[in-house]
Amino acid sequence: MSDQEFLNPKFLRYFVTVSDKGSILSASIELNVAQPSITRSIQIIEEKLNKKLFNRTKKGVTLTKEGEIFYLNAKSILSYNEKVIENIKTIKFDEKQKIVDQITIGIPTTLSY
């Protein structure tokens, strides 16, 4: 696995869901993914970062300080990915393959004279 391959959206989604649910079992149910797959994905992330991201207890998991930082970044990456996909889907082309979009620029009336 390459140095940054562990940042793939699937692993990030698993990590974020486990963080949000506080439990690998709850995350596996929500994601409809086997627990070992989620556990292994998190182990890969932790190994690549050489950081412990979760405190594990019998009641579930909580984020470490490093985990909290990674969580915020993972959420940003996933959000950005969604925006990229949404932007690409909403672009419209005319027959000559030019992007058809309008940009509206607001100028205060004091500057327009």
C-alpha atoms as a PDB file:
ATOM      1  CA  MET A   1       0.000   0.000   0.000  1.00  0.00           C
ATOM      2  CA  SER A   2       1.394   3.406  -0.953  1.00  0.00           C
ATOM      3  CA  ASP A   3       2.092   6.101   1.618  1.00  0.00           C
ATOM      4  CA  GLN A   4      -1.235   7.868   1.128  1.00  0.00           C
ATOM      5  CA  GLU A   5      -3.439   5.071  -0.133  1.00  0.00           C
ATOM      6  CA  PHE A   6      -4.829   4.656   3.392  1.00  0.00           C
ATOM      7  CA  LEU A   7      -6.586   8.014   2.902  1.00  0.00           C
ATOM      8  CA  ASN A   8      -9.031   6.507   0.435  1.00  0.00           C
ATOM      9  CA  PRO A   9     -12.647   7.596   0.946  1.00  0.00           C
ATOM     10  CA  LYS A  10     -13.805   4.139   2.063  1.00  0.00           C
ATOM     11  CA  PHE A  11     -11.339   4.015   4.962  1.00  0.00           C
ATOM     12  CA  LEU A  12     -12.127   7.621   5.893  1.00  0.00           C
ATOM     13  CA  ARG A  13     -15.879   6.915   5.858  1.00  0.00           C
ATOM     14  CA  TYR A  14     -15.342   3.883   8.112  1.00  0.00           C
ATOM     15  CA  PHE A  15     -13.225   5.955  10.508  1.00  0.00           C
ATOM     16  CA  VAL A  16     -15.723   8.833  10.646  1.00  0.00           C
ATOM     17  CA  THR A  17     -18.686   6.506  11.165  1.00  0.00           C
ATOM     18  CA  VAL A  18     -16.936   4.646  13.989  1.00  0.00           C
ATOM     19  CA  SER A  19     -16.069   8.006  15.557  1.00  0.00           C
ATOM     20  CA  ASP A  20     -19.641   9.265  15.253  1.00  0.00           C
ATOM     21  CA  LYS A  21     -21.192   6.041  16.576  1.00  0.00           C
ATOM     22  CA  GLY A  22     -18.600   5.379  19.270  1.00  0.00           C
ATOM     23  CA  SER A  23     -18.633   1.706  18.364  1.00  0.00           C
ATOM     24  CA  ILE A  24     -17.288  -0.510  15.604  1.00  0.00           C
ATOM     25  CA  LEU A  25     -20.383  -2.728  15.894  1.00  0.00           C
ATOM     26  CA  SER A  26     -22.754   0.231  15.449  1.00  0.00           C
ATOM     27  CA  ALA A  27     -20.692   1.486  12.510  1.00  0.00           C
ATOM     28  CA  SER A  28     -20.714  -1.934  10.851  1.00  0.00           C
ATOM     29  CA  ILE A  29     -24.493  -2.088  11.151  1.00  0.00           C
ATOM     30  CA  GLU A  30     -24.945   1.404   9.719  1.00  0.00           C
ATOM     31  CA  LEU A  31     -22.463   0.844   6.884  1.00  0.00           C
ATOM     32  CA  ASN A  32     -23.596  -2.754   6.284  1.00  0.00           C
ATOM     33  CA  VAL A  33     -19.951  -3.842   6.396  1.00  0.00           C
ATOM     34  CA  ALA A  34     -18.394  -6.667   8.403  1.00  0.00           C
ATOM     35  CA  GLN A  35     -16.696  -5.621  11.636  1.00  0.00           C
ATOM     36  CA  PRO A  36     -13.319  -7.152  10.677  1.00  0.00           C
ATOM     37  CA  SER A  37     -13.191  -4.988   7.533  1.00  0.00           C
ATOM     38  CA  ILE A  38     -13.744  -1.840   9.553  1.00  0.00           C
ATOM     39  CA  THR A  39     -11.289  -2.906  12.246  1.00  0.00           C
ATOM     40  CA  ARG A  40      -8.628  -3.686   9.644  1.00  0.00           C
ATOM     41  CA  SER A  41      -9.171  -0.343   7.883  1.00  0.00           C
ATOM     42  CA  ILE A  42      -8.686   1.523  11.148  1.00  0.00           C
ATOM     43  CA  GLN A  43      -5.595  -0.547  11.953  1.00  0.00           C
ATOM     44  CA  ILE A  44      -4.115   0.348   8.555  1.00  0.00           C
ATOM     45  CA  ILE A  45      -4.740   4.061   9.156  1.00  0.00           C
ATOM     46  CA  GLU A  46      -3.180   3.864  12.623  1.00  0.00           C
ATOM     47  CA  GLU A  47      -0.176   1.907  11.323  1.00  0.00           C
ATOM     48  CA  LYS A  48       0.466   4.332   8.470  1.00  0.00           C
ATOM     49  CA  LEU A  49       0.198   7.346  10.772  1.00  0.00           C
ATOM     50  CA  ASN A  50       2.075   5.555  13.550  1.00  0.00           C
ATOM     51  CA  LYS A  51      -0.541   6.992  15.930  1.00  0.00           C
ATOM     52  CA  LYS A  52      -3.271   5.540  18.102  1.00  0.00           C
ATOM     53  CA  LEU A  53      -6.547   7.192  17.017  1.00  0.00           C
ATOM     54  CA  PHE A  54      -8.994   5.434  19.344  1.00  0.00           C
ATOM     55  CA  ASN A  55      -9.113   4.501  22.999  1.00  0.00           C
ATOM     56  CA  ARG A  56     -10.808   1.119  23.038  1.00  0.00           C
ATOM     57  CA  THR A  57     -12.958  -0.007  25.958  1.00  0.00           C
ATOM     58  CA  LYS A  58     -15.588  -2.679  26.531  1.00  0.00           C
ATOM     59  CA  LYS A  59     -18.268  -0.021  25.974  1.00  0.00           C
ATOM     60  CA  GLY A  60     -16.889   1.195  22.637  1.00  0.00           C
ATOM     61  CA  VAL A  61     -14.295   3.632  21.368  1.00  0.00           C
ATOM     62  CA  THR A  62     -13.407   7.269  21.943  1.00  0.00           C
ATOM     63  CA  LEU A  63     -11.026   9.431  19.995  1.00  0.00           C
ATOM     64  CA  THR A  64      -7.535  10.226  21.212  1.00  0.00           C
ATOM     65  CA  LYS A  65      -6.229  13.777  20.699  1.00  0.00           C
ATOM     66  CA  GLU A  66      -4.580  12.612  17.473  1.00  0.00           C
ATOM     67  CA  GLY A  67      -7.847  10.910  16.536  1.00  0.00           C
ATOM     68  CA  GLU A  68      -9.766  14.165  17.012  1.00  0.00           C
ATOM     69  CA  ILE A  69      -7.412  15.973  14.628  1.00  0.00           C
ATOM     70  CA  PHE A  70      -7.605  13.147  12.091  1.00  0.00           C
ATOM     71  CA  TYR A  71     -11.412  13.101  12.430  1.00  0.00           C
ATOM     72  CA  LEU A  72     -11.704  16.797  11.520  1.00  0.00           C
ATOM     73  CA  ASN A  73      -9.435  16.318   8.527  1.00  0.00           C
ATOM     74  CA  ALA A  74     -11.229  13.148   7.400  1.00  0.00           C
ATOM     75  CA  LYS A  75     -14.580  14.978   7.539  1.00  0.00           C
ATOM     76  CA  SER A  76     -13.096  17.819   5.461  1.00  0.00           C
ATOM     77  CA  ILE A  77     -11.721  15.411   2.859  1.00  0.00           C
ATOM     78  CA  LEU A  78     -15.049  13.577   2.539  1.00  0.00           C
ATOM     79  CA  SER A  79     -16.954  16.858   2.335  1.00  0.00           C
ATOM     80  CA  TYR A  80     -14.599  18.167  -0.336  1.00  0.00           C
ATOM     81  CA  ASN A  81     -14.976  14.951  -2.342  1.00  0.00           C
ATOM     82  CA  GLU A  82     -18.774  15.308  -2.230  1.00  0.00           C
ATOM     83  CA  LYS A  83     -18.558  18.925  -3.409  1.00  0.00           C
ATOM     84  CA  VAL A  84     -16.295  17.979  -6.318  1.00  0.00           C
ATOM     85  CA  ILE A  85     -18.754  15.310  -7.456  1.00  0.00           C
ATOM     86  CA  GLU A  86     -21.704  17.675  -7.058  1.00  0.00           C
ATOM     87  CA  ASN A  87     -19.929  20.422  -9.019  1.00  0.00           C
ATOM     88  CA  ILE A  88     -19.052  18.072 -11.875  1.00  0.00           C
ATOM     89  CA  LYS A  89     -22.632  16.770 -12.056  1.00  0.00           C
ATOM     90  CA  THR A  90     -24.104  20.278 -12.234  1.00  0.00           C
ATOM     91  CA  ILE A  91     -21.869  21.602 -15.035  1.00  0.00           C
ATOM     92  CA  LYS A  92     -23.838  22.027 -18.251  1.00  0.00           C
ATOM     93  CA  PHE A  93     -22.392  22.283 -21.740  1.00  0.00           C
ATOM     94  CA  ASP A  94     -23.896  23.838 -24.827  1.00  0.00           C
ATOM     95  CA  GLU A  95     -23.600  22.266 -28.292  1.00  0.00           C
ATOM     96  CA  LYS A  96     -20.123  23.722 -28.837  1.00  0.00           C
ATOM     97  CA  GLN A  97     -18.893  22.143 -25.571  1.00  0.00           C
ATOM     98  CA  LYS A  98     -18.503  25.442 -23.783  1.00  0.00           C
ATOM     99  CA  ILE A  99     -19.402  25.602 -20.140  1.00  0.00           C
ATOM    100  CA  VAL A 100     -22.712  27.349 -19.736  1.00  0.00           C
ATOM    101  CA  ASP A 101     -22.699  29.096 -16.404  1.00  0.00           C
ATOM    102  CA  GLN A 102     -23.364  32.629 -15.347  1.00  0.00           C
ATOM    103  CA  ILE A 103     -21.381  34.573 -12.856  1.00  0.00           C
ATOM    104  CA  THR A 104     -23.140  37.437 -11.156  1.00  0.00           C
ATOM    105  CA  ILE A 105     -20.981  40.155  -9.702  1.00  0.00           C
ATOM    106  CA  GLY A 106     -22.490  42.611  -7.276  1.00  0.00           C
ATOM    107  CA  ILE A 107     -21.084  46.140  -7.277  1.00  0.00           C
ATOM    108  CA  PRO A 108     -22.184  48.766  -4.779  1.00  0.00           C
ATOM    109  CA  THR A 109     -23.898  51.739  -6.442  1.00  0.00           C
ATOM    110  CA  THR A 110     -21.197  54.065  -5.147  1.00  0.00           C
ATOM    111  CA  LEU A 111     -18.628  52.261  -7.300  1.00  0.00           C
ATOM    112  CA  SER A 112     -20.746  52.056 -10.429  1.00  0.00           C
ATOM    113  CA  TYR A 113     -20.695  55.784 -11.233  1.00  0.00           C
END
